[in-house]
Amino acid sequence: ALLAASGLPRLEARALLEHVSARSRSWLIAHGDEAAPAEAATRFAALARRRREGEPLAYLLGFREFHGLRLRVSPAVLIPRADTELLVDLAIRLAPDGARVLDLGTGSGAIAVAVAAARPDLRIVATDLSQAALAVAAGNAEACLDAGRPGGPLRWLKGSWWAALPSGEPPFDLIASNPPYIAEGDPHLARGDLRHEPAQALASGADGLDAIREIAAGAPAHLAPGGWLLVEHGFDQGPSVCALFEAAGLIQAVTHRDAEERDRVTSGRCPCV
């Protein structure tokens, strides 16, 4: 009865009920004819109302599944999306053994933690302008990663893009980033989940490319010879991002398509000499 009265799609309603009851889906199905405890029913009704009003389900649950991991999320961070798994898969494949890897603008830590979970040999640094985001990311690393991983603990640095790196930081073998890439004023920012996510993690300049311009321009100074830069972007930005990579002196710029055959990630390399 609670599910039917929620006014939500059944899967969303069931996820909220699992959350407030701390019961598994199979248990709820087996006991579907029993009345829910009053406290759980009250909490469920409150969360269902907030979901009907547009709050993202991930924020209401407090977590999001990403690349086989359950990551904690809050309104301080962008909600990890399946699109970004392509960036993670490329980083896992392209990073040399024992490589130094940088995740610029880590947010929830989704990229850094997922890459570290699959490649424990890597030495990973992650940055973000938001201290609240770094706290979420560090918590996800602690929850998801082996404390004794060969690559050591992840390092978290606060600051805007390259400014977060201390003077004298050694070069990286691979740099990955899912920066903001939506154009300011894009009507999608006022719709759906995006209304509730941090604006600084979504929009970047009149054409959405300001952050990617800064990342591409600074990458050669922070990449080892032959090192990779991987950047996620919008489905119609591939040619522009390739041009930015090439203007910065990167070579072999290629745009990769996601599971829905949309341009999603561009990769490029620092020349070897």
Protein backbone atom coordinates (compact mmCIF):
# COMPACT_ATOMS: atom_id res chain seq x y z
CA ALA A 1 0.00 0.00 0.00
CA LEU A 2 2.88 2.38 0.78
CA LEU A 3 4.38 1.86 -2.67
CA ALA A 4 1.10 2.43 -4.47
CA ALA A 5 0.33 5.57 -2.45
CA SER A 6 3.76 7.13 -2.97
CA GLY A 7 3.06 8.56 -6.40
CA LEU A 8 6.50 7.38 -7.56
CA PRO A 9 7.69 4.84 -10.12
CA ARG A 10 7.70 1.45 -8.42
CA LEU A 11 11.49 0.98 -8.53
CA GLU A 12 12.11 4.37 -6.92
CA ALA A 13 9.47 3.77 -4.26
CA ARG A 14 10.91 0.34 -3.48
CA ALA A 15 14.43 1.77 -3.17
CA LEU A 16 13.20 4.36 -0.66
CA LEU A 17 11.31 1.70 1.31
CA GLU A 18 14.41 -0.50 1.45
CA HIS A 19 16.34 2.52 2.72
CA VAL A 20 13.98 3.54 5.53
CA SER A 21 13.22 -0.03 6.64
CA ALA A 22 16.81 -1.32 6.38
CA ARG A 23 15.31 -4.45 4.81
CA SER A 24 16.33 -6.20 1.61
CA ARG A 25 14.14 -6.22 -1.48
CA SER A 26 13.51 -9.95 -1.11
CA TRP A 27 12.38 -9.49 2.51
CA LEU A 28 10.00 -6.70 1.54
CA ILE A 29 8.49 -8.80 -1.24
CA ALA A 30 8.03 -11.77 1.11
CA HIS A 31 6.37 -9.57 3.75
CA GLY A 32 4.48 -7.29 1.41
CA ASP A 33 1.15 -7.86 3.14
CA GLU A 34 2.45 -6.69 6.53
CA ALA A 35 2.00 -3.13 7.76
CA ALA A 36 5.20 -1.10 7.95
CA PRO A 37 6.29 0.21 11.37
CA ALA A 38 4.91 3.70 11.99
CA GLU A 39 8.36 5.34 12.07
CA ALA A 40 9.40 3.76 8.76
CA ALA A 41 6.09 4.73 7.16
CA THR A 42 6.51 8.33 8.27
CA ARG A 43 10.08 8.53 6.97
CA PHE A 44 9.05 6.90 3.70
CA ALA A 45 6.23 9.39 3.19
CA ALA A 46 8.57 12.32 3.81
CA LEU A 47 11.20 11.03 1.37
CA ALA A 48 8.56 10.21 -1.25
CA ARG A 49 7.26 13.77 -1.03
CA ARG A 50 10.75 15.18 -1.49
CA ARG A 51 11.31 12.89 -4.49
CA ARG A 52 8.00 14.01 -6.04
CA GLU A 53 9.21 17.58 -5.60
CA GLY A 54 12.30 16.77 -7.63
CA GLU A 55 15.12 15.95 -5.21
CA PRO A 56 17.48 13.39 -6.74
CA LEU A 57 16.95 9.84 -5.55
CA ALA A 58 20.69 9.44 -4.94
CA TYR A 59 20.71 12.33 -2.46
CA LEU A 60 17.68 10.91 -0.64
CA LEU A 61 19.29 7.48 -0.37
CA GLY A 62 22.75 8.92 0.35
CA PHE A 63 24.54 6.70 -2.16
CA ARG A 64 24.91 5.84 -5.85
CA GLU A 65 26.16 2.65 -7.48
CA PHE A 66 29.10 3.34 -9.81
CA HIS A 67 31.48 0.93 -11.53
CA GLY A 68 30.54 -1.84 -9.11
CA LEU A 69 30.99 0.33 -6.02
CA ARG A 70 28.48 1.91 -3.66
CA LEU A 71 29.59 5.52 -3.29
CA ARG A 72 28.27 7.94 -0.71
CA VAL A 73 26.90 11.15 -2.20
CA SER A 74 25.52 14.40 -0.83
CA PRO A 75 24.38 17.72 -2.31
CA ALA A 76 28.04 18.80 -2.05
CA VAL A 77 28.97 16.57 -5.00
CA LEU A 78 27.83 15.72 -8.50
CA ILE A 79 25.94 12.44 -8.66
CA PRO A 80 28.14 9.84 -10.43
CA ARG A 81 26.64 8.69 -13.72
CA ALA A 82 27.13 5.63 -15.89
CA ASP A 83 28.49 7.85 -18.69
CA THR A 84 31.63 8.44 -16.61
CA GLU A 85 32.40 4.71 -16.41
CA LEU A 86 33.89 5.02 -19.91
CA LEU A 87 36.48 7.45 -18.54
CA VAL A 88 37.27 5.05 -15.70
CA ASP A 89 37.63 2.09 -18.08
CA LEU A 90 40.03 4.04 -20.30
CA ALA A 91 42.13 5.12 -17.32
CA ILE A 92 42.33 1.56 -16.03
CA ARG A 93 43.46 0.33 -19.44
CA LEU A 94 45.90 3.11 -20.34
CA ALA A 95 47.72 3.72 -17.05
CA PRO A 96 51.16 2.02 -17.02
CA ASP A 97 52.11 -0.27 -14.14
CA GLY A 98 52.73 1.72 -10.96
CA ALA A 99 51.76 4.96 -12.70
CA ARG A 100 51.11 8.30 -11.05
CA VAL A 101 47.50 9.28 -11.78
CA LEU A 102 45.72 12.59 -11.20
CA ASP A 103 41.93 13.04 -10.94
CA LEU A 104 41.16 16.74 -11.42
CA GLY A 105 37.89 17.88 -9.83
CA THR A 106 37.20 14.59 -8.09
CA GLY A 107 33.81 15.44 -6.52
CA SER A 108 32.56 12.28 -4.82
CA GLY A 109 35.85 10.58 -5.68
CA ALA A 110 34.07 8.34 -8.19
CA ILE A 111 36.87 8.30 -10.77
CA ALA A 112 39.78 8.13 -8.33
CA VAL A 113 38.21 5.44 -6.15
CA ALA A 114 36.96 3.29 -9.03
CA VAL A 115 40.36 3.40 -10.76
CA ALA A 116 42.13 2.65 -7.48
CA ALA A 117 39.82 -0.28 -6.77
CA ALA A 118 40.62 -1.85 -10.15
CA ARG A 119 44.30 -0.90 -10.21
CA PRO A 120 45.76 -1.05 -6.69
CA ASP A 121 49.26 -0.54 -8.11
CA LEU A 122 48.54 3.06 -9.10
CA ARG A 123 49.58 6.09 -7.06
CA ILE A 124 46.61 8.44 -7.18
CA VAL A 125 46.21 12.14 -6.39
CA ALA A 126 42.77 13.79 -6.52
CA THR A 127 41.83 17.46 -6.30
CA ASP A 128 38.73 19.54 -5.79
CA LEU A 129 37.90 23.16 -5.06
CA SER A 130 35.32 22.09 -2.46
CA GLN A 131 36.47 20.91 0.96
CA ALA A 132 33.06 19.31 1.47
CA ALA A 133 33.50 17.31 -1.72
CA LEU A 134 36.96 16.16 -0.65
CA ALA A 135 35.50 14.93 2.64
CA VAL A 136 32.93 12.85 0.73
CA ALA A 137 35.65 11.51 -1.59
CA ALA A 138 37.97 10.55 1.27
CA GLY A 139 35.10 8.74 2.98
CA ASN A 140 34.40 6.76 -0.18
CA ALA A 141 38.06 5.79 -0.48
CA GLU A 142 38.12 4.61 3.11
CA ALA A 143 34.95 2.57 2.63
CA CYS A 144 35.84 1.02 -0.73
CA LEU A 145 39.61 0.52 -0.79
CA ASP A 146 42.05 -1.76 0.98
CA ALA A 147 44.05 0.38 3.40
CA GLY A 148 47.21 -1.56 2.50
CA ARG A 149 46.93 -1.19 -1.29
CA PRO A 150 50.35 -1.27 -3.01
CA GLY A 151 49.87 2.21 -4.47
CA GLY A 152 49.37 3.61 -0.98
CA PRO A 153 46.54 5.85 0.23
CA LEU A 154 45.04 8.36 -2.15
CA ARG A 155 46.17 11.98 -1.71
CA TRP A 156 43.52 14.71 -1.58
CA LEU A 157 44.41 18.28 -2.53
CA LYS A 158 42.18 21.35 -2.34
CA GLY A 159 42.22 23.93 -5.10
CA SER A 160 41.04 24.93 -8.56
CA TRP A 161 42.42 22.69 -11.30
CA TRP A 162 46.22 23.04 -11.61
CA ALA A 163 46.43 25.51 -8.74
CA ALA A 164 45.70 22.64 -6.35
CA LEU A 165 49.07 21.04 -7.07
CA PRO A 166 51.98 22.07 -4.85
CA SER A 167 55.09 23.53 -6.41
CA GLY A 168 57.48 20.80 -7.47
CA GLU A 169 54.81 18.08 -7.79
CA PRO A 170 56.27 15.35 -10.06
CA PRO A 171 54.61 14.80 -13.45
CA PHE A 172 51.79 12.32 -13.91
CA ASP A 173 51.54 9.37 -16.28
CA LEU A 174 47.79 9.85 -16.66
CA ILE A 175 45.43 12.71 -15.84
CA ALA A 176 41.66 12.21 -15.86
CA SER A 177 38.87 14.70 -15.34
CA ASN A 178 35.10 14.95 -15.52
CA PRO A 179 34.91 18.77 -15.38
CA PRO A 180 31.84 20.97 -15.75
CA TYR A 181 31.00 21.15 -19.45
CA ILE A 182 27.44 22.49 -19.73
CA ALA A 183 27.02 25.97 -21.17
CA GLU A 184 25.86 28.57 -18.66
CA GLY A 185 22.24 29.36 -19.36
CA ASP A 186 21.52 25.93 -20.83
CA PRO A 187 17.84 25.19 -20.03
CA HIS A 188 18.73 21.67 -18.88
CA LEU A 189 20.30 23.20 -15.76
CA ALA A 190 16.81 24.12 -14.57
CA ARG A 191 15.38 20.63 -15.07
CA GLY A 192 15.43 17.30 -13.26
CA ASP A 193 18.25 16.33 -10.94
CA LEU A 194 20.55 19.07 -12.28
CA ARG A 195 18.54 21.69 -10.37
CA HIS A 196 19.83 20.22 -7.11
CA GLU A 197 23.44 19.44 -8.00
CA PRO A 198 26.33 21.87 -7.34
CA ALA A 199 26.38 24.50 -10.11
CA GLN A 200 30.19 24.73 -10.11
CA ALA A 201 30.36 21.05 -11.07
CA LEU A 202 28.00 21.47 -14.03
CA ALA A 203 28.41 24.72 -15.98
CA SER A 204 31.57 26.34 -17.34
CA GLY A 205 31.34 29.47 -19.45
CA ALA A 206 29.21 30.51 -22.40
CA ASP A 207 30.02 27.37 -24.42
CA GLY A 208 30.67 24.99 -21.52
CA LEU A 209 34.34 24.62 -22.40
CA ASP A 210 36.10 27.06 -20.05
CA ALA A 211 37.25 24.36 -17.61
CA ILE A 212 38.37 22.05 -20.41
CA ARG A 213 40.34 24.93 -21.97
CA GLU A 214 42.20 25.43 -18.69
CA ILE A 215 42.80 21.72 -18.21
CA ALA A 216 44.07 21.17 -21.75
CA ALA A 217 46.32 24.24 -21.71
CA GLY A 218 47.99 23.22 -18.44
CA ALA A 219 48.24 19.49 -19.05
CA PRO A 220 51.60 19.37 -20.89
CA ALA A 221 53.36 21.00 -17.94
CA HIS A 222 52.08 18.25 -15.61
CA LEU A 223 52.31 15.15 -17.83
CA ALA A 224 55.29 12.85 -18.13
CA PRO A 225 56.50 12.23 -21.70
CA GLY A 226 53.95 9.93 -23.35
CA GLY A 227 51.46 10.57 -20.53
CA TRP A 228 47.71 10.58 -21.17
CA LEU A 229 45.04 13.23 -20.64
CA LEU A 230 41.43 11.95 -20.51
CA VAL A 231 38.52 14.40 -20.29
CA GLU A 232 34.79 13.72 -20.25
CA HIS A 233 32.60 16.17 -22.20
CA GLY A 234 29.23 16.67 -23.86
CA PHE A 235 27.99 14.61 -26.80
CA ASP A 236 28.52 17.51 -29.25
CA GLN A 237 31.88 18.75 -27.94
CA GLY A 238 34.26 16.11 -29.27
CA PRO A 239 35.66 18.12 -32.21
CA SER A 240 36.12 21.22 -30.04
CA VAL A 241 37.92 19.26 -27.31
CA CYS A 242 40.20 17.58 -29.85
CA ALA A 243 41.08 21.04 -31.19
CA LEU A 244 41.85 22.28 -27.66
CA PHE A 245 44.10 19.28 -27.04
CA GLU A 246 45.98 19.85 -30.29
CA ALA A 247 46.33 23.58 -29.63
CA ALA A 248 47.92 22.72 -26.27
CA GLY A 249 50.50 20.51 -28.00
CA LEU A 250 48.97 17.15 -27.17
CA ILE A 251 49.08 14.43 -29.84
CA GLN A 252 46.89 11.48 -30.86
CA ALA A 253 43.69 13.27 -29.81
CA VAL A 254 40.80 10.83 -30.19
CA THR A 255 37.19 10.98 -29.03
CA HIS A 256 35.65 7.81 -27.58
CA ARG A 257 31.94 6.97 -27.60
CA ASP A 258 29.87 5.77 -24.66
CA ALA A 259 27.47 2.81 -24.53
CA GLU A 260 24.82 4.86 -26.34
CA GLU A 261 27.25 5.69 -29.17
CA ARG A 262 27.61 9.34 -28.14
CA ASP A 263 30.91 11.21 -28.06
CA ARG A 264 31.84 11.22 -24.36
CA VAL A 265 35.61 11.17 -23.61
CA THR A 266 38.57 12.62 -25.49
CA SER A 267 42.08 11.28 -24.94
CA GLY A 268 45.41 12.76 -25.96
CA ARG A 269 49.09 12.23 -25.16
CA CYS A 270 52.03 14.38 -24.22
CA PRO A 271 54.77 14.06 -26.87
CA CYS A 272 57.59 11.74 -25.85
CA VAL A 273 60.26 14.34 -26.66
